[in-house]
Amino acid sequence: MSVLPALPESGSLRLSVVVPVRNEAGNIAALVAEIGAACAPLAPFEVIYVDDGSSDGTAAALAAARAGRPWLRVLRHARSAGQSAAVRSGIAVVRSPVVATLDGDGQNDPAFIPALFAALEAGGAGVGLAQGQRVGRKDGRLKTLQSRIANGVRGRILKDDTRDTGCGLKVFRREVYGALPYFDALHRFMPALVAREGYRVVHRDVVDRPRFTGRSNYGLFDRLWVGLLDLAGVWWLIRRRRPAPAVAEG
């Protein structure tokens, strides 16, 4: 079980955006500016960058980006722990009941965050996750093919009704994330696990973009042969789920 600390009682933020990054120095400034512009209609909000043990100039770029942006917070892992761990570190310190995530390379356009947020809110408490699904993929042919195969196999086994779970653009309720079992690559199985907890998942198409600069530092779990054990584990968790009994005191 993933246990998160309680939200601050005085928290009044509407949205927290968590962005995991590793060696993305060249992509920080432009993406931070885009996130700020996209989330302005949702104010008050905060953005939490989690530097996952970068060895380039990411830390300096984040320090520069914080100037004049009180809503920008920065966490740092002493060593790289992976994308799921970075997302979890960010969610552990958010001050809003609703969380958005996106990748830090610029491929996820933050302009779609308000639409995902609206879809989550429109669904009421029964909707736990608004999942982005990429159209116009900008990855290379090999990676796109691997992703399609992996998504196809995952969908047939888990029956999560999601075309593209690897999209980093997600908006979800923090309490729902806290109920999910934590493991590496959790973020790639969130629709199935959110449904396992009894919540509905809504989907919105989002337009994929080329990364701003550099090369991919995450994403290996798009490859089917890397994620088979995780897929089997999630299938087992779903099969073992039992309804919680009604509890009364007295």
C-alpha atoms as a PDB file:
ATOM      1  CA  MET A   1       0.000   0.000   0.000  1.00  0.00           C
ATOM      2  CA  SER A   2       1.255   3.475  -0.880  1.00  0.00           C
ATOM      3  CA  VAL A   3       1.018   5.659   2.224  1.00  0.00           C
ATOM      4  CA  LEU A   4       1.169   9.432   1.752  1.00  0.00           C
ATOM      5  CA  PRO A   5       1.299  12.087   4.446  1.00  0.00           C
ATOM      6  CA  ALA A   6      -1.860  14.071   5.074  1.00  0.00           C
ATOM      7  CA  LEU A   7      -2.433  17.275   3.131  1.00  0.00           C
ATOM      8  CA  PRO A   8      -1.811  20.501   5.064  1.00  0.00           C
ATOM      9  CA  GLU A   9      -5.094  21.622   6.638  1.00  0.00           C
ATOM     10  CA  SER A  10      -4.536  25.163   5.407  1.00  0.00           C
ATOM     11  CA  GLY A  11      -3.927  24.087   1.822  1.00  0.00           C
ATOM     12  CA  SER A  12      -6.151  25.929  -0.668  1.00  0.00           C
ATOM     13  CA  LEU A  13      -4.402  25.039  -3.918  1.00  0.00           C
ATOM     14  CA  ARG A  14      -6.529  23.651  -6.751  1.00  0.00           C
ATOM     15  CA  LEU A  15      -3.769  21.765  -8.551  1.00  0.00           C
ATOM     16  CA  SER A  16      -0.255  20.438  -8.066  1.00  0.00           C
ATOM     17  CA  VAL A  17       1.802  19.579 -11.162  1.00  0.00           C
ATOM     18  CA  VAL A  18       4.608  17.035 -10.713  1.00  0.00           C
ATOM     19  CA  VAL A  19       7.359  16.827 -13.340  1.00  0.00           C
ATOM     20  CA  PRO A  20      10.100  14.162 -13.070  1.00  0.00           C
ATOM     21  CA  VAL A  21      13.337  15.042 -14.869  1.00  0.00           C
ATOM     22  CA  ARG A  22      16.787  13.565 -15.352  1.00  0.00           C
ATOM     23  CA  ASN A  23      19.430  15.377 -17.400  1.00  0.00           C
ATOM     24  CA  GLU A  24      16.942  17.769 -19.031  1.00  0.00           C
ATOM     25  CA  ALA A  25      18.832  21.054 -18.560  1.00  0.00           C
ATOM     26  CA  GLY A  26      18.020  22.292 -22.046  1.00  0.00           C
ATOM     27  CA  ASN A  27      14.297  21.719 -21.620  1.00  0.00           C
ATOM     28  CA  ILE A  28      13.661  23.355 -18.239  1.00  0.00           C
ATOM     29  CA  ALA A  29      13.136  27.023 -19.066  1.00  0.00           C
ATOM     30  CA  ALA A  30      10.717  26.625 -21.978  1.00  0.00           C
ATOM     31  CA  LEU A  31       8.583  23.932 -20.331  1.00  0.00           C
ATOM     32  CA  VAL A  32       8.318  25.745 -16.989  1.00  0.00           C
ATOM     33  CA  ALA A  33       7.067  28.828 -18.847  1.00  0.00           C
ATOM     34  CA  GLU A  34       4.507  26.744 -20.746  1.00  0.00           C
ATOM     35  CA  ILE A  35       3.258  25.048 -17.582  1.00  0.00           C
ATOM     36  CA  GLY A  36       2.828  28.393 -15.860  1.00  0.00           C
ATOM     37  CA  ALA A  37       0.807  29.786 -18.771  1.00  0.00           C
ATOM     38  CA  ALA A  38      -1.338  26.645 -19.114  1.00  0.00           C
ATOM     39  CA  CYS A  39      -2.166  26.463 -15.403  1.00  0.00           C
ATOM     40  CA  ALA A  40      -2.894  30.168 -14.897  1.00  0.00           C
ATOM     41  CA  PRO A  41      -6.676  29.616 -15.297  1.00  0.00           C
ATOM     42  CA  LEU A  42      -6.472  26.983 -12.548  1.00  0.00           C
ATOM     43  CA  ALA A  43      -4.749  29.220 -10.005  1.00  0.00           C
ATOM     44  CA  PRO A  44      -3.823  28.847  -7.241  1.00  0.00           C
ATOM     45  CA  PHE A  45      -1.494  26.032  -8.266  1.00  0.00           C
ATOM     46  CA  GLU A  46       2.019  24.757  -7.666  1.00  0.00           C
ATOM     47  CA  VAL A  47       4.572  22.989  -9.848  1.00  0.00           C
ATOM     48  CA  ILE A  48       7.001  20.496  -8.336  1.00  0.00           C
ATOM     49  CA  TYR A  49      10.016  19.453 -10.378  1.00  0.00           C
ATOM     50  CA  VAL A  50      11.772  16.339  -9.124  1.00  0.00           C
ATOM     51  CA  ASP A  51      15.403  16.213 -10.284  1.00  0.00           C
ATOM     52  CA  ASP A  52      16.104  12.498 -10.386  1.00  0.00           C
ATOM     53  CA  GLY A  53      19.872  12.575  -9.790  1.00  0.00           C
ATOM     54  CA  SER A  54      20.804  14.607 -12.870  1.00  0.00           C
ATOM     55  CA  SER A  55      24.476  14.900 -13.763  1.00  0.00           C
ATOM     56  CA  ASP A  56      24.166  17.828 -16.203  1.00  0.00           C
ATOM     57  CA  GLY A  57      23.059  21.409 -15.595  1.00  0.00           C
ATOM     58  CA  THR A  58      19.471  20.551 -14.641  1.00  0.00           C
ATOM     59  CA  ALA A  59      19.883  21.772 -11.042  1.00  0.00           C
ATOM     60  CA  ALA A  60      21.227  25.151 -12.195  1.00  0.00           C
ATOM     61  CA  ALA A  61      18.477  25.488 -14.814  1.00  0.00           C
ATOM     62  CA  LEU A  62      15.817  24.805 -12.172  1.00  0.00           C
ATOM     63  CA  ALA A  63      17.384  27.321  -9.790  1.00  0.00           C
ATOM     64  CA  ALA A  64      17.233  29.954 -12.525  1.00  0.00           C
ATOM     65  CA  ALA A  65      13.630  29.045 -13.393  1.00  0.00           C
ATOM     66  CA  ARG A  66      12.521  29.585  -9.784  1.00  0.00           C
ATOM     67  CA  ALA A  67      13.314  33.305  -9.977  1.00  0.00           C
ATOM     68  CA  GLY A  68      10.015  35.186  -9.924  1.00  0.00           C
ATOM     69  CA  ARG A  69       7.952  31.997  -9.725  1.00  0.00           C
ATOM     70  CA  PRO A  70       6.848  31.369  -6.128  1.00  0.00           C
ATOM     71  CA  TRP A  71       4.676  28.492  -7.358  1.00  0.00           C
ATOM     72  CA  LEU A  72       7.718  26.493  -8.531  1.00  0.00           C
ATOM     73  CA  ARG A  73       9.261  24.007  -6.079  1.00  0.00           C
ATOM     74  CA  VAL A  74      12.252  21.732  -6.649  1.00  0.00           C
ATOM     75  CA  LEU A  75      13.146  18.382  -5.102  1.00  0.00           C
ATOM     76  CA  ARG A  76      16.280  16.406  -5.828  1.00  0.00           C
ATOM     77  CA  HIS A  77      17.202  12.729  -5.566  1.00  0.00           C
ATOM     78  CA  ALA A  78      20.827  12.187  -4.554  1.00  0.00           C
ATOM     79  CA  ARG A  79      20.955   9.416  -7.147  1.00  0.00           C
ATOM     80  CA  SER A  80      18.648   8.392  -9.962  1.00  0.00           C
ATOM     81  CA  ALA A  81      15.806   6.198  -8.717  1.00  0.00           C
ATOM     82  CA  GLY A  82      13.623   6.109 -11.846  1.00  0.00           C
ATOM     83  CA  GLN A  83      10.558   7.921 -13.126  1.00  0.00           C
ATOM     84  CA  SER A  84       8.003   6.247 -10.861  1.00  0.00           C
ATOM     85  CA  ALA A  85      10.084   7.046  -7.781  1.00  0.00           C
ATOM     86  CA  ALA A  86      10.456  10.668  -8.869  1.00  0.00           C
ATOM     87  CA  VAL A  87       6.705  11.002  -9.371  1.00  0.00           C
ATOM     88  CA  ARG A  88       6.081   9.461  -5.952  1.00  0.00           C
ATOM     89  CA  SER A  89       8.541  11.854  -4.273  1.00  0.00           C
ATOM     90  CA  GLY A  90       6.701  14.800  -5.783  1.00  0.00           C
ATOM     91  CA  ILE A  91       3.243  13.557  -4.841  1.00  0.00           C
ATOM     92  CA  ALA A  92       4.412  12.997  -1.263  1.00  0.00           C
ATOM     93  CA  VAL A  93       4.850  16.766  -0.789  1.00  0.00           C
ATOM     94  CA  VAL A  94       2.015  18.225  -2.878  1.00  0.00           C
ATOM     95  CA  ARG A  95      -0.397  20.643  -1.212  1.00  0.00           C
ATOM     96  CA  SER A  96      -3.427  20.058  -3.431  1.00  0.00           C
ATOM     97  CA  PRO A  97      -5.974  17.217  -3.556  1.00  0.00           C
ATOM     98  CA  VAL A  98      -5.619  17.064  -7.354  1.00  0.00           C
ATOM     99  CA  VAL A  99      -2.332  16.197  -9.079  1.00  0.00           C
ATOM    100  CA  ALA A 100      -1.211  16.460 -12.692  1.00  0.00           C
ATOM    101  CA  THR A 101       1.879  14.784 -14.102  1.00  0.00           C
ATOM    102  CA  LEU A 102       3.749  15.238 -17.359  1.00  0.00           C
ATOM    103  CA  ASP A 103       7.139  14.297 -18.744  1.00  0.00           C
ATOM    104  CA  GLY A 104       9.917  16.861 -18.551  1.00  0.00           C
ATOM    105  CA  ASP A 105      11.232  16.634 -22.122  1.00  0.00           C
ATOM    106  CA  GLY A 106       8.597  18.810 -23.792  1.00  0.00           C
ATOM    107  CA  GLN A 107       6.774  16.014 -25.636  1.00  0.00           C
ATOM    108  CA  ASN A 108       3.747  16.369 -23.346  1.00  0.00           C
ATOM    109  CA  ASP A 109       2.071  19.705 -24.070  1.00  0.00           C
ATOM    110  CA  PRO A 110       0.891  21.273 -20.777  1.00  0.00           C
ATOM    111  CA  ALA A 111      -1.822  23.126 -22.690  1.00  0.00           C
ATOM    112  CA  PHE A 112      -3.913  19.951 -22.276  1.00  0.00           C
ATOM    113  CA  ILE A 113      -3.788  20.038 -18.456  1.00  0.00           C
ATOM    114  CA  PRO A 114      -6.917  22.240 -18.069  1.00  0.00           C
ATOM    115  CA  ALA A 115      -8.992  19.865 -20.248  1.00  0.00           C
ATOM    116  CA  LEU A 116      -7.868  16.854 -18.219  1.00  0.00           C
ATOM    117  CA  PHE A 117      -8.563  18.734 -14.983  1.00  0.00           C
ATOM    118  CA  ALA A 118     -12.049  19.650 -16.226  1.00  0.00           C
ATOM    119  CA  ALA A 119     -12.758  16.033 -17.213  1.00  0.00           C
ATOM    120  CA  LEU A 120     -11.778  14.824 -13.747  1.00  0.00           C
ATOM    121  CA  GLU A 121     -13.919  17.437 -12.008  1.00  0.00           C
ATOM    122  CA  ALA A 122     -16.909  16.857 -14.288  1.00  0.00           C
ATOM    123  CA  GLY A 123     -16.907  13.170 -13.412  1.00  0.00           C
ATOM    124  CA  GLY A 124     -17.315  13.808  -9.707  1.00  0.00           C
ATOM    125  CA  ALA A 125     -15.822  11.788  -6.876  1.00  0.00           C
ATOM    126  CA  GLY A 126     -16.325   8.526  -8.755  1.00  0.00           C
ATOM    127  CA  VAL A 127     -13.683   9.438 -11.346  1.00  0.00           C
ATOM    128  CA  GLY A 128     -10.170   8.895 -10.054  1.00  0.00           C
ATOM    129  CA  LEU A 129      -8.043   9.534 -13.143  1.00  0.00           C
ATOM    130  CA  ALA A 130      -8.160  11.584 -16.337  1.00  0.00           C
ATOM    131  CA  GLN A 131      -5.671   9.885 -18.668  1.00  0.00           C
ATOM    132  CA  GLY A 132      -4.140  11.541 -21.710  1.00  0.00           C
ATOM    133  CA  GLN A 133      -3.837   9.434 -24.861  1.00  0.00           C
ATOM    134  CA  ARG A 134      -1.301  10.576 -27.442  1.00  0.00           C
ATOM    135  CA  VAL A 135      -2.141  11.201 -31.075  1.00  0.00           C
ATOM    136  CA  GLY A 136       0.453  12.007 -33.720  1.00  0.00           C
ATOM    137  CA  ARG A 137       3.269  10.190 -31.914  1.00  0.00           C
ATOM    138  CA  LYS A 138       6.674  11.795 -32.481  1.00  0.00           C
ATOM    139  CA  ASP A 139       8.833   8.902 -31.246  1.00  0.00           C
ATOM    140  CA  GLY A 140      10.930   6.939 -33.702  1.00  0.00           C
ATOM    141  CA  ARG A 141       9.355   4.075 -35.633  1.00  0.00           C
ATOM    142  CA  LEU A 142      10.919   1.345 -33.469  1.00  0.00           C
ATOM    143  CA  LYS A 143       9.830   2.865 -30.160  1.00  0.00           C
ATOM    144  CA  THR A 144       6.340   3.602 -31.508  1.00  0.00           C
ATOM    145  CA  LEU A 145       5.982   0.011 -32.704  1.00  0.00           C
ATOM    146  CA  GLN A 146       7.200  -1.333 -29.342  1.00  0.00           C
ATOM    147  CA  SER A 147       4.727   0.913 -27.535  1.00  0.00           C
ATOM    148  CA  ARG A 148       1.815  -0.222 -29.729  1.00  0.00           C
ATOM    149  CA  ILE A 149       2.628  -3.883 -29.142  1.00  0.00           C
ATOM    150  CA  ALA A 150       3.008  -3.369 -25.389  1.00  0.00           C
ATOM    151  CA  ASN A 151      -0.232  -1.356 -25.177  1.00  0.00           C
ATOM    152  CA  GLY A 152      -2.065  -4.000 -27.195  1.00  0.00           C
ATOM    153  CA  VAL A 153      -0.895  -6.886 -25.013  1.00  0.00           C
ATOM    154  CA  ARG A 154      -1.527  -4.935 -21.813  1.00  0.00           C
ATOM    155  CA  GLY A 155      -5.029  -3.983 -22.932  1.00  0.00           C
ATOM    156  CA  ARG A 156      -5.964  -7.575 -23.757  1.00  0.00           C
ATOM    157  CA  ILE A 157      -4.694  -8.882 -20.423  1.00  0.00           C
ATOM    158  CA  LEU A 158      -5.761  -6.101 -18.058  1.00  0.00           C
ATOM    159  CA  LYS A 159      -8.834  -4.920 -19.996  1.00  0.00           C
ATOM    160  CA  ASP A 160      -8.237  -1.359 -18.825  1.00  0.00           C
ATOM    161  CA  ASP A 161      -9.954   0.256 -21.855  1.00  0.00           C
ATOM    162  CA  THR A 162      -6.974   2.588 -22.320  1.00  0.00           C
ATOM    163  CA  ARG A 163      -5.218   2.951 -25.651  1.00  0.00           C
ATOM    164  CA  ASP A 164      -2.046   4.595 -24.326  1.00  0.00           C
ATOM    165  CA  THR A 165      -1.115   4.208 -20.658  1.00  0.00           C
ATOM    166  CA  GLY A 166       2.453   5.399 -21.306  1.00  0.00           C
ATOM    167  CA  CYS A 167       1.365   9.006 -21.831  1.00  0.00           C
ATOM    168  CA  GLY A 168       2.795  11.120 -19.013  1.00  0.00           C
ATOM    169  CA  LEU A 169      -0.131  13.565 -19.067  1.00  0.00           C
ATOM    170  CA  LYS A 170      -2.418  12.479 -16.262  1.00  0.00           C
ATOM    171  CA  VAL A 171      -4.655  14.296 -13.774  1.00  0.00           C
ATOM    172  CA  PHE A 172      -5.839  12.360 -10.725  1.00  0.00           C
ATOM    173  CA  ARG A 173      -6.964  12.619  -7.139  1.00  0.00           C
ATOM    174  CA  ARG A 174      -4.129  12.404  -4.661  1.00  0.00           C
ATOM    175  CA  GLU A 175      -6.126  10.148  -2.342  1.00  0.00           C
ATOM    176  CA  VAL A 176      -6.624   7.685  -5.195  1.00  0.00           C
ATOM    177  CA  TYR A 177      -2.899   7.550  -5.915  1.00  0.00           C
ATOM    178  CA  GLY A 178      -2.289   6.960  -2.210  1.00  0.00           C
ATOM    179  CA  ALA A 179      -4.461   3.836  -2.330  1.00  0.00           C
ATOM    180  CA  LEU A 180      -2.417   2.235  -5.133  1.00  0.00           C
ATOM    181  CA  PRO A 181       0.325  -0.333  -4.466  1.00  0.00           C
ATOM    182  CA  TYR A 182       3.673   1.270  -5.206  1.00  0.00           C
ATOM    183  CA  PHE A 183       6.210  -0.391  -7.513  1.00  0.00           C
ATOM    184  CA  ASP A 184       8.595   0.667 -10.258  1.00  0.00           C
ATOM    185  CA  ALA A 185       6.672   1.523 -13.465  1.00  0.00           C
ATOM    186  CA  LEU A 186       3.454   2.154 -11.499  1.00  0.00           C
ATOM    187  CA  HIS A 187       2.722   5.174 -13.696  1.00  0.00           C
ATOM    188  CA  ARG A 188       2.342   2.901 -16.746  1.00  0.00           C
ATOM    189  CA  PHE A 189      -0.392   0.805 -15.148  1.00  0.00           C
ATOM    190  CA  MET A 190      -2.422   3.510 -13.410  1.00  0.00           C
ATOM    191  CA  PRO A 191      -5.693   3.091 -15.373  1.00  0.00           C
ATOM    192  CA  ALA A 192      -5.975  -0.597 -14.453  1.00  0.00           C
ATOM    193  CA  LEU A 193      -4.995   0.006 -10.830  1.00  0.00           C
ATOM    194  CA  VAL A 194      -7.316   2.993 -10.417  1.00  0.00           C
ATOM    195  CA  ALA A 195     -10.186   0.876 -11.769  1.00  0.00           C
ATOM    196  CA  ARG A 196      -9.160  -1.875  -9.338  1.00  0.00           C
ATOM    197  CA  GLU A 197      -9.881   0.554  -6.498  1.00  0.00           C
ATOM    198  CA  GLY A 198     -13.410   1.115  -7.797  1.00  0.00           C
ATOM    199  CA  TYR A 199     -12.900   4.452  -9.550  1.00  0.00           C
ATOM    200  CA  ARG A 200     -13.694   5.316 -13.144  1.00  0.00           C
ATOM    201  CA  VAL A 201     -11.076   6.477 -15.655  1.00  0.00           C
ATOM    202  CA  VAL A 202     -11.814   9.098 -18.319  1.00  0.00           C
ATOM    203  CA  HIS A 203      -9.678   9.682 -21.411  1.00  0.00           C
ATOM    204  CA  ARG A 204      -8.779  12.704 -23.503  1.00  0.00           C
ATOM    205  CA  ASP A 205      -6.679  12.783 -26.659  1.00  0.00           C
ATOM    206  CA  VAL A 206      -3.536  14.930 -26.412  1.00  0.00           C
ATOM    207  CA  VAL A 207      -1.228  15.921 -29.254  1.00  0.00           C
ATOM    208  CA  ASP A 208       2.301  14.546 -28.987  1.00  0.00           C
ATOM    209  CA  ARG A 209       5.295  16.774 -29.778  1.00  0.00           C
ATOM    210  CA  PRO A 210       8.978  16.176 -30.465  1.00  0.00           C
ATOM    211  CA  ARG A 211      11.138  16.590 -27.373  1.00  0.00           C
ATOM    212  CA  PHE A 212      12.650  20.083 -27.165  1.00  0.00           C
ATOM    213  CA  THR A 213      16.307  19.032 -26.990  1.00  0.00           C
ATOM    214  CA  GLY A 214      18.483  16.068 -26.001  1.00  0.00           C
ATOM    215  CA  ARG A 215      17.590  12.393 -25.923  1.00  0.00           C
ATOM    216  CA  SER A 216      15.209  10.218 -23.928  1.00  0.00           C
ATOM    217  CA  ASN A 217      16.271   9.392 -20.373  1.00  0.00           C
ATOM    218  CA  TYR A 218      13.160   7.432 -19.428  1.00  0.00           C
ATOM    219  CA  GLY A 219      10.764   5.272 -21.360  1.00  0.00           C
ATOM    220  CA  LEU A 220      12.334   1.805 -21.409  1.00  0.00           C
ATOM    221  CA  PHE A 221       9.155   0.299 -20.011  1.00  0.00           C
ATOM    222  CA  ASP A 222       7.481   0.916 -23.376  1.00  0.00           C
ATOM    223  CA  ARG A 223       9.350  -2.248 -24.397  1.00  0.00           C
ATOM    224  CA  LEU A 224       7.236  -5.319 -23.981  1.00  0.00           C
ATOM    225  CA  TRP A 225      10.001  -7.652 -22.912  1.00  0.00           C
ATOM    226  CA  VAL A 226      11.061  -5.322 -20.080  1.00  0.00           C
ATOM    227  CA  GLY A 227       7.545  -4.943 -18.663  1.00  0.00           C
ATOM    228  CA  LEU A 228       6.248  -8.519 -18.773  1.00  0.00           C
ATOM    229  CA  LEU A 229       6.903  -9.183 -15.087  1.00  0.00           C
ATOM    230  CA  ASP A 230       5.188  -5.934 -14.125  1.00  0.00           C
ATOM    231  CA  LEU A 231       2.245  -6.842 -16.337  1.00  0.00           C
ATOM    232  CA  ALA A 232       1.960 -10.254 -14.677  1.00  0.00           C
ATOM    233  CA  GLY A 233       2.152  -8.638 -11.253  1.00  0.00           C
ATOM    234  CA  VAL A 234      -0.606  -6.130 -12.008  1.00  0.00           C
ATOM    235  CA  TRP A 235      -2.794  -8.919 -13.437  1.00  0.00           C
ATOM    236  CA  TRP A 236      -2.275 -10.838 -10.170  1.00  0.00           C
ATOM    237  CA  LEU A 237      -3.178  -7.786  -8.076  1.00  0.00           C
ATOM    238  CA  ILE A 238      -6.399  -7.286 -10.020  1.00  0.00           C
ATOM    239  CA  ARG A 239      -7.332 -10.948  -9.719  1.00  0.00           C
ATOM    240  CA  ARG A 240      -6.712 -10.901  -5.950  1.00  0.00           C
ATOM    241  CA  ARG A 241      -8.765  -7.768  -5.282  1.00  0.00           C
ATOM    242  CA  ARG A 242     -11.685  -8.305  -2.922  1.00  0.00           C
ATOM    243  CA  PRO A 243     -14.400  -5.757  -2.042  1.00  0.00           C
ATOM    244  CA  ALA A 244     -13.823  -4.013   1.270  1.00  0.00           C
ATOM    245  CA  PRO A 245     -16.399  -5.124   3.871  1.00  0.00           C
ATOM    246  CA  ALA A 246     -18.826  -2.638   5.370  1.00  0.00           C
ATOM    247  CA  VAL A 247     -17.609  -1.509   8.787  1.00  0.00           C
ATOM    248  CA  ALA A 248     -19.690  -0.136  11.656  1.00  0.00           C
ATOM    249  CA  GLU A 249     -18.545   0.871  15.130  1.00  0.00           C
ATOM    250  CA  GLY A 250     -20.483  -0.009  18.243  1.00  0.00           C
END
